[in-house]
Amino acid sequence: MSNKGDFLAGVVIGGIVGAVAGLLLAPASGEETRTKLAEKSREYKDIAKEKAREKSQETISYTRDKIGKLKDNFSGNKEVQEALNKVDQSLSGESE
């Protein structure tokens, strides 16, 4: 039991020493560091938005391709054609 307590104390003390050393040895002030972190977070947010937009467009294109193939396969079925047209319209943001 004593070994677990010693280990935990070592982890806590090590964490405190590490945090103090990090603050003392940091090349920039806290304000500069926060500014840099905020800038990087905005950059990563913009990158994530762009990647999401690209994937969304890829998914819409893929889905439209599949809808076109389904329309060809079910060309004689009016109900299926109408349902596929509704799905295609919803991909464009069109409403009835």
Protein backbone atom coordinates (compact mmCIF):
# COMPACT_ATOMS: atom_id res chain seq x y z
CA MET A 1 0.00 0.00 0.00
CA SER A 2 2.87 2.34 0.76
CA ASN A 3 4.28 1.87 -2.75
CA LYS A 4 1.04 3.13 -4.30
CA GLY A 5 1.05 6.19 -2.04
CA ASP A 6 4.68 6.92 -2.83
CA PHE A 7 4.02 6.56 -6.55
CA LEU A 8 1.00 8.87 -6.41
CA ALA A 9 2.96 11.46 -4.41
CA GLY A 10 5.75 11.23 -6.99
CA VAL A 11 3.31 11.80 -9.84
CA VAL A 12 1.76 14.84 -8.14
CA ILE A 13 5.12 16.36 -7.22
CA GLY A 14 6.45 15.64 -10.71
CA GLY A 15 3.45 17.33 -12.25
CA ILE A 16 3.89 20.42 -10.12
CA VAL A 17 7.63 20.61 -10.84
CA GLY A 18 6.95 20.18 -14.55
CA ALA A 19 4.32 22.91 -14.60
CA VAL A 20 6.59 25.35 -12.74
CA ALA A 21 9.52 24.54 -15.04
CA GLY A 22 7.30 25.05 -18.07
CA LEU A 23 6.21 28.46 -16.87
CA LEU A 24 9.75 29.54 -16.00
CA LEU A 25 11.32 28.31 -19.20
CA ALA A 26 8.59 29.30 -21.65
CA PRO A 27 9.95 31.49 -24.46
CA ALA A 28 6.84 33.68 -24.55
CA SER A 29 4.63 35.36 -21.98
CA GLY A 30 1.32 33.84 -21.01
CA GLU A 31 -0.55 36.41 -23.05
CA GLU A 32 1.56 35.71 -26.15
CA THR A 33 1.08 31.98 -25.69
CA ARG A 34 -2.71 32.38 -25.37
CA THR A 35 -2.74 34.57 -28.48
CA LYS A 36 -0.80 31.96 -30.45
CA LEU A 37 -3.09 29.20 -29.19
CA ALA A 38 -6.17 31.22 -30.20
CA GLU A 39 -4.73 31.83 -33.68
CA LYS A 40 -3.87 28.16 -34.15
CA SER A 41 -7.31 27.09 -32.95
CA ARG A 42 -8.93 29.43 -35.51
CA GLU A 43 -6.68 28.00 -38.24
CA TYR A 44 -7.60 24.43 -37.32
CA LYS A 45 -11.28 25.37 -37.12
CA ASP A 46 -11.11 26.81 -40.64
CA ILE A 47 -9.29 23.72 -41.91
CA ALA A 48 -11.92 21.47 -40.29
CA LYS A 49 -14.75 23.48 -41.87
CA GLU A 50 -13.13 23.23 -45.30
CA LYS A 51 -12.57 19.48 -44.98
CA ALA A 52 -16.17 19.02 -43.84
CA ARG A 53 -17.42 21.05 -46.82
CA GLU A 54 -15.30 18.99 -49.22
CA LYS A 55 -16.53 15.70 -47.74
CA SER A 56 -20.10 16.96 -47.86
CA GLN A 57 -19.77 17.81 -51.56
CA GLU A 58 -18.16 14.42 -52.25
CA THR A 59 -21.02 12.67 -50.46
CA ILE A 60 -23.66 14.65 -52.37
CA SER A 61 -21.95 13.86 -55.68
CA TYR A 62 -21.69 10.16 -54.80
CA THR A 63 -25.34 10.07 -53.74
CA ARG A 64 -26.50 11.80 -56.92
CA ASP A 65 -24.55 9.29 -58.98
CA LYS A 66 -26.28 6.43 -57.15
CA ILE A 67 -29.66 8.13 -57.57
CA GLY A 68 -29.04 8.37 -61.32
CA LYS A 69 -28.25 4.65 -61.49
CA LEU A 70 -31.34 3.80 -59.45
CA LYS A 71 -33.48 5.94 -61.76
CA ASP A 72 -32.11 3.99 -64.72
CA ASN A 73 -32.82 0.67 -62.99
CA PHE A 74 -36.36 1.66 -61.98
CA SER A 75 -37.29 3.68 -65.07
CA GLY A 76 -40.65 1.93 -65.33
CA ASN A 77 -41.71 2.55 -61.74
CA LYS A 78 -43.28 5.99 -61.30
CA GLU A 79 -43.39 5.80 -57.47
CA VAL A 80 -39.68 5.01 -57.21
CA GLN A 81 -38.87 7.77 -59.70
CA GLU A 82 -40.83 10.30 -57.63
CA ALA A 83 -39.15 9.20 -54.41
CA LEU A 84 -35.71 9.46 -56.01
CA ASN A 85 -36.57 12.91 -57.36
CA LYS A 86 -37.52 14.04 -53.84
CA VAL A 87 -34.21 12.78 -52.47
CA ASP A 88 -32.34 14.52 -55.27
CA GLN A 89 -34.20 17.78 -54.60
CA SER A 90 -33.47 17.58 -50.88
CA LEU A 91 -29.75 17.30 -51.69
CA SER A 92 -30.01 20.65 -53.47
CA GLY A 93 -31.97 22.24 -50.67
CA GLU A 94 -34.98 22.56 -52.95
CA SER A 95 -38.44 22.15 -51.53
CA GLU A 96 -41.71 21.28 -53.18
